[in-house]
Protein backbone atom coordinates (compact mmCIF):
# COMPACT_ATOMS: atom_id res chain seq x y z
CA MET A 1 11.38 12.95 48.86
CA SER A 2 7.76 12.31 49.56
CA SER A 3 6.36 9.01 48.43
CA PRO A 4 4.01 10.47 45.78
CA LEU A 5 6.84 12.40 44.12
CA ARG A 6 9.13 9.37 44.20
CA HIS A 7 6.49 7.29 42.45
CA ALA A 8 6.08 9.98 39.78
CA LEU A 9 9.80 10.18 38.94
CA LEU A 10 10.41 6.44 38.76
CA PRO A 11 8.64 5.86 35.35
CA LEU A 12 10.59 8.79 33.88
CA LEU A 13 13.89 7.25 34.95
CA LEU A 14 12.89 3.86 33.57
CA LEU A 15 11.84 5.44 30.25
CA ALA A 16 15.09 7.33 29.95
CA GLY A 17 17.01 4.15 30.62
CA ALA A 18 15.04 2.30 28.01
CA VAL A 19 15.65 5.00 25.40
CA SER A 20 19.36 5.16 26.07
CA GLY A 21 19.64 1.36 25.83
CA CYS A 22 18.14 1.32 22.30
CA GLN A 23 20.79 3.53 20.72
CA PRO A 24 23.10 1.58 18.41
CA ALA A 25 26.54 0.85 19.60
CA SER A 26 29.43 2.49 17.83
CA PRO A 27 30.43 0.43 14.78
CA VAL A 28 33.35 -1.85 15.29
CA ARG A 29 35.94 -1.45 12.52
CA PRO A 30 37.34 -4.76 11.40
CA ALA A 31 41.00 -5.18 11.78
CA ALA A 32 42.82 -4.08 8.69
CA THR A 33 43.69 -6.92 6.33
CA PRO A 34 47.18 -6.65 4.93
CA ALA A 35 46.98 -5.90 1.24
CA GLU A 36 48.00 -8.71 -1.03
CA PRO A 37 51.20 -7.98 -2.83
CA ALA A 38 50.61 -6.73 -6.34
CA THR A 39 51.06 -9.38 -8.98
CA THR A 40 51.88 -8.90 -12.64
CA MET A 41 49.43 -10.78 -14.84
CA PRO A 42 51.20 -12.69 -17.56
CA ALA A 43 50.55 -11.47 -21.07
CA PRO A 44 47.96 -13.56 -22.86
CA VAL A 45 49.49 -16.23 -25.04
CA VAL A 46 48.44 -15.79 -28.63
CA ARG A 47 48.73 -19.11 -30.34
CA THR A 48 49.25 -18.94 -34.05
CA PRO A 49 47.73 -22.00 -35.65
CA SER A 50 50.28 -24.19 -37.28
CA PRO A 51 50.04 -24.02 -41.04
CA ALA A 52 48.33 -27.02 -42.56
CA ALA A 53 50.78 -29.53 -43.83
CA PRO A 54 50.89 -29.44 -47.62
CA ARG A 55 48.99 -32.27 -49.21
CA ALA A 56 51.38 -34.89 -50.43
CA PRO A 57 51.01 -35.43 -54.14
CA ASP A 58 49.45 -38.71 -55.15
CA THR A 59 52.04 -41.26 -56.09
CA GLU A 60 51.88 -43.55 -59.06
CA PRO A 61 51.61 -47.14 -57.73
CA PRO A 62 54.43 -49.54 -58.59
CA GLU A 63 52.20 -51.68 -60.80
CA PHE A 64 51.61 -48.63 -63.00
CA SER A 65 55.23 -47.51 -63.03
CA GLY A 66 56.02 -45.75 -66.29
CA MET A 67 52.44 -44.75 -67.05
CA LEU A 68 52.99 -41.10 -66.12
CA ASP A 69 56.42 -40.84 -67.72
CA GLU A 70 55.20 -42.28 -71.00
CA HIS A 71 52.09 -40.10 -71.04
CA ASN A 72 54.14 -37.00 -70.37
CA ALA A 73 56.73 -37.88 -73.00
CA TRP A 74 53.99 -37.98 -75.66
CA ARG A 75 52.44 -34.79 -74.27
CA ALA A 76 55.77 -32.97 -74.34
CA GLU A 77 55.98 -33.60 -78.08
CA VAL A 78 52.97 -31.32 -78.64
CA GLY A 79 53.61 -28.84 -75.84
CA ALA A 80 50.90 -30.15 -73.50
CA PRO A 81 51.65 -29.77 -69.77
CA PRO A 82 52.53 -32.92 -67.83
CA LEU A 83 49.90 -34.95 -66.02
CA THR A 84 50.00 -35.85 -62.35
CA TRP A 85 48.68 -39.04 -60.79
CA SER A 86 45.23 -38.86 -59.19
CA SER A 87 44.18 -41.50 -56.68
CA ARG A 88 40.57 -40.42 -57.10
CA ALA A 89 40.71 -40.99 -60.85
CA ALA A 90 42.55 -44.27 -60.21
CA ASP A 91 39.72 -45.42 -57.92
CA ALA A 92 37.18 -44.66 -60.64
CA ALA A 93 39.32 -46.51 -63.19
CA GLN A 94 39.72 -49.55 -60.95
CA GLN A 95 35.99 -49.70 -60.25
CA TRP A 96 35.29 -49.86 -63.96
CA ALA A 97 38.07 -52.37 -64.58
CA ASP A 98 36.54 -54.58 -61.88
CA GLN A 99 33.15 -54.30 -63.57
CA LEU A 100 34.65 -55.35 -66.89
CA GLN A 101 36.36 -58.26 -65.15
CA ARG A 102 32.95 -59.46 -63.96
CA GLU A 103 31.92 -59.41 -67.60
CA GLY A 104 34.85 -61.60 -68.63
CA CYS A 105 37.11 -58.64 -69.45
CA ALA A 106 34.63 -57.18 -71.90
CA ILE A 107 35.82 -53.97 -73.49
CA ARG A 108 33.33 -51.14 -73.29
CA HIS A 109 33.27 -47.62 -71.97
CA ASN A 110 31.48 -46.44 -68.89
CA LEU A 111 28.56 -44.42 -70.23
CA ASP A 112 27.37 -43.08 -66.90
CA PRO A 113 26.59 -39.40 -67.65
CA VAL A 114 28.00 -38.11 -64.36
CA ARG A 115 31.25 -39.97 -64.89
CA ARG A 116 31.44 -38.76 -68.50
CA GLU A 117 31.20 -35.17 -67.31
CA THR A 118 34.11 -35.75 -64.95
CA TYR A 119 36.51 -38.07 -66.75
CA GLY A 120 37.78 -38.91 -70.17
CA GLU A 121 38.51 -42.62 -70.52
CA ASN A 122 40.96 -44.84 -72.37
CA ILE A 123 40.67 -48.64 -72.33
CA TYR A 124 43.07 -51.31 -73.50
CA GLY A 125 42.42 -55.03 -73.70
CA TYR A 126 44.68 -58.00 -74.34
CA TRP A 127 43.62 -61.62 -74.86
CA GLN A 128 45.17 -64.97 -75.61
CA THR A 129 43.59 -68.14 -76.84
CA ARG A 130 44.92 -70.13 -73.91
CA PRO A 131 44.80 -69.42 -70.19
CA TYR A 132 47.61 -67.50 -68.61
CA ALA A 133 48.46 -66.05 -65.24
CA ASP A 134 49.34 -62.55 -64.10
CA TYR A 135 49.60 -59.63 -66.54
CA ARG A 136 51.31 -59.76 -69.92
CA ARG A 137 51.41 -56.03 -70.58
CA GLU A 138 53.14 -53.12 -68.86
CA ALA A 139 52.02 -49.56 -68.39
CA ARG A 140 54.43 -48.17 -70.98
CA PHE A 141 53.26 -50.65 -73.60
CA VAL A 142 49.61 -49.81 -72.94
CA THR A 143 50.29 -46.08 -73.21
CA ASP A 144 52.24 -46.48 -76.43
CA SER A 145 49.40 -48.55 -77.91
CA TRP A 146 47.06 -45.60 -77.44
CA ALA A 147 49.66 -43.11 -78.66
CA ALA A 148 50.17 -45.13 -81.87
CA GLU A 149 46.95 -43.55 -83.15
CA LYS A 150 48.94 -40.37 -83.66
CA ALA A 151 49.81 -41.69 -87.11
CA ASP A 152 46.17 -41.24 -88.15
CA TYR A 153 45.56 -37.86 -86.55
CA ASP A 154 45.94 -34.75 -88.72
CA ALA A 155 46.69 -31.91 -86.33
CA SER A 156 46.42 -29.17 -88.95
CA SER A 157 42.78 -30.00 -89.68
CA ASN A 158 41.98 -31.58 -86.31
CA ARG A 159 40.67 -34.66 -88.09
CA CYS A 160 41.09 -38.38 -87.62
CA LEU A 161 42.10 -40.10 -90.86
CA ALA A 162 41.99 -43.64 -89.50
CA PRO A 163 40.46 -46.30 -91.76
CA PRO A 164 36.94 -47.55 -91.01
CA GLY A 165 36.82 -49.06 -87.56
CA GLY A 166 39.84 -47.07 -86.39
CA THR A 167 39.98 -44.15 -84.02
CA CYS A 168 42.25 -41.34 -82.87
CA GLY A 169 40.42 -40.76 -79.61
CA HIS A 170 42.84 -42.61 -77.37
CA TYR A 171 45.71 -40.47 -78.61
CA THR A 172 43.84 -37.15 -78.47
CA GLN A 173 42.73 -37.83 -74.90
CA LEU A 174 46.24 -38.85 -73.92
CA VAL A 175 47.65 -35.52 -75.12
CA TRP A 176 44.61 -33.33 -74.33
CA SER A 177 46.24 -30.12 -73.13
CA ARG A 178 43.56 -29.16 -70.61
CA SER A 179 43.65 -32.50 -68.85
CA ARG A 180 45.79 -32.31 -65.72
CA GLU A 181 45.43 -35.65 -63.94
CA VAL A 182 45.28 -39.32 -64.76
CA GLY A 183 44.60 -42.41 -62.70
CA CYS A 184 44.48 -46.00 -63.93
CA GLY A 185 43.23 -49.42 -62.93
CA ARG A 186 43.51 -52.92 -64.35
CA ALA A 187 41.91 -56.32 -63.98
CA HIS A 188 42.88 -59.86 -64.95
CA CYS A 189 40.72 -62.59 -66.43
CA ALA A 190 41.39 -66.22 -67.29
CA ARG A 191 42.46 -65.44 -70.85
CA GLY A 192 43.07 -61.73 -70.84
CA GLU A 193 43.48 -58.45 -69.07
CA VAL A 194 41.96 -55.00 -69.26
CA TRP A 195 43.47 -51.58 -68.47
CA VAL A 196 41.46 -48.41 -67.80
CA CYS A 197 42.73 -44.84 -67.42
CA GLU A 198 40.59 -41.88 -66.39
CA TYR A 199 41.60 -38.31 -67.24
CA ALA A 200 40.48 -35.08 -65.54
CA PRO A 201 39.32 -32.73 -66.81
CA ARG A 202 38.04 -34.83 -69.68
CA GLY A 203 38.93 -34.23 -73.28
CA ASN A 204 37.75 -35.10 -76.80
CA TYR A 205 35.24 -32.30 -77.36
CA VAL A 206 33.80 -31.43 -80.74
CA GLY A 207 35.44 -28.40 -82.28
CA VAL A 208 38.21 -28.18 -79.67
CA ARG A 209 41.75 -29.04 -80.61
CA PRO A 210 43.52 -31.39 -78.20
CA PHE A 211 46.56 -29.12 -78.26
CA ALA A 212 47.64 -25.89 -79.88
CA LEU A 213 49.62 -26.01 -83.07
CA THR A 214 52.13 -23.71 -81.37
CA ALA A 215 53.93 -25.78 -78.74
CA GLY A 216 53.59 -24.62 -75.18
CA THR A 217 50.20 -22.95 -75.53
CA VAL A 218 46.65 -24.16 -75.03
CA PRO A 219 44.10 -24.23 -77.85
CA ALA A 220 42.56 -20.83 -78.52
CA THR A 221 39.04 -22.21 -78.77
CA ALA A 222 35.88 -22.39 -76.69
CA ALA A 223 36.21 -23.63 -73.13
CA ASP A 224 35.87 -27.36 -72.73
CA ALA A 225 32.91 -27.01 -70.39
CA GLN A 226 30.90 -25.33 -73.14
CA ALA A 227 31.63 -27.96 -75.75
CA PRO A 228 29.21 -30.77 -76.70
CA GLU A 229 29.77 -34.50 -76.95
CA PRO A 230 33.18 -36.09 -77.56
CA ALA A 231 34.62 -35.69 -81.01
CA TYR A 232 35.80 -39.27 -81.17
CA SER A 233 34.27 -42.45 -79.90
CA ALA A 234 37.53 -43.50 -78.20
CA THR A 235 36.43 -47.08 -78.47
CA ALA A 236 38.63 -49.64 -76.83
CA THR A 237 41.67 -51.10 -78.48
CA PRO A 238 41.09 -54.71 -79.60
CA ALA A 239 44.74 -55.54 -79.20
CA ASP A 240 46.54 -58.76 -79.98
CA LEU A 241 43.90 -60.71 -81.84
CA PRO A 242 42.80 -63.49 -82.71
CA SER A 243 40.68 -62.89 -79.61
CA THR A 244 38.14 -60.14 -80.09
CA PRO A 245 36.26 -57.94 -77.66
């Protein structure tokens, strides 16, 4: 081959080599990965929430032993359902008893309007002319002192026939058929003691009988919540004079 022709073919050979060197190489297939063995997914665990433990009923404290039984014995006489002990009502009663203790065991009702909408209230006081320690009265005696007002209450007319200065309000609250709970407190002073019981729902509404004349039923009258002020003052019991409130 002549020199001019050789020089003319050399660029073509170089170009062809360059073009062939730019083509992509055949793809390399990765080695096959062994498939993982199939696994069975466990079924989802559905956890049923444990039922809430039933609320334990409030228990009458030992120092008030007999209060519930005596209340419910008087209520059973007129067909009113039994009361249960309420620690919340007992706290309210104890707070007021403590306040009366700070006043020398004065006997007066808590007139706070919010409390009056929530609780009916019975108070008992006992005094002596000389100092004494501890308590001289028991829960059953206190309850029976309130229930003694039954003698002056005329159920047929829903009227209190007590002489001037007397009341039937302790008794009517004690047997009020729509009340369901009671809680009590007490406090001791140098010459006396004071007992307070709070009832929920409250009783002693004007125009509402405390219980139905037919045992085992509730009064067929307006709902308590729609009734006005208490029918009876339910003033405290000035028990065991000569000391006076």
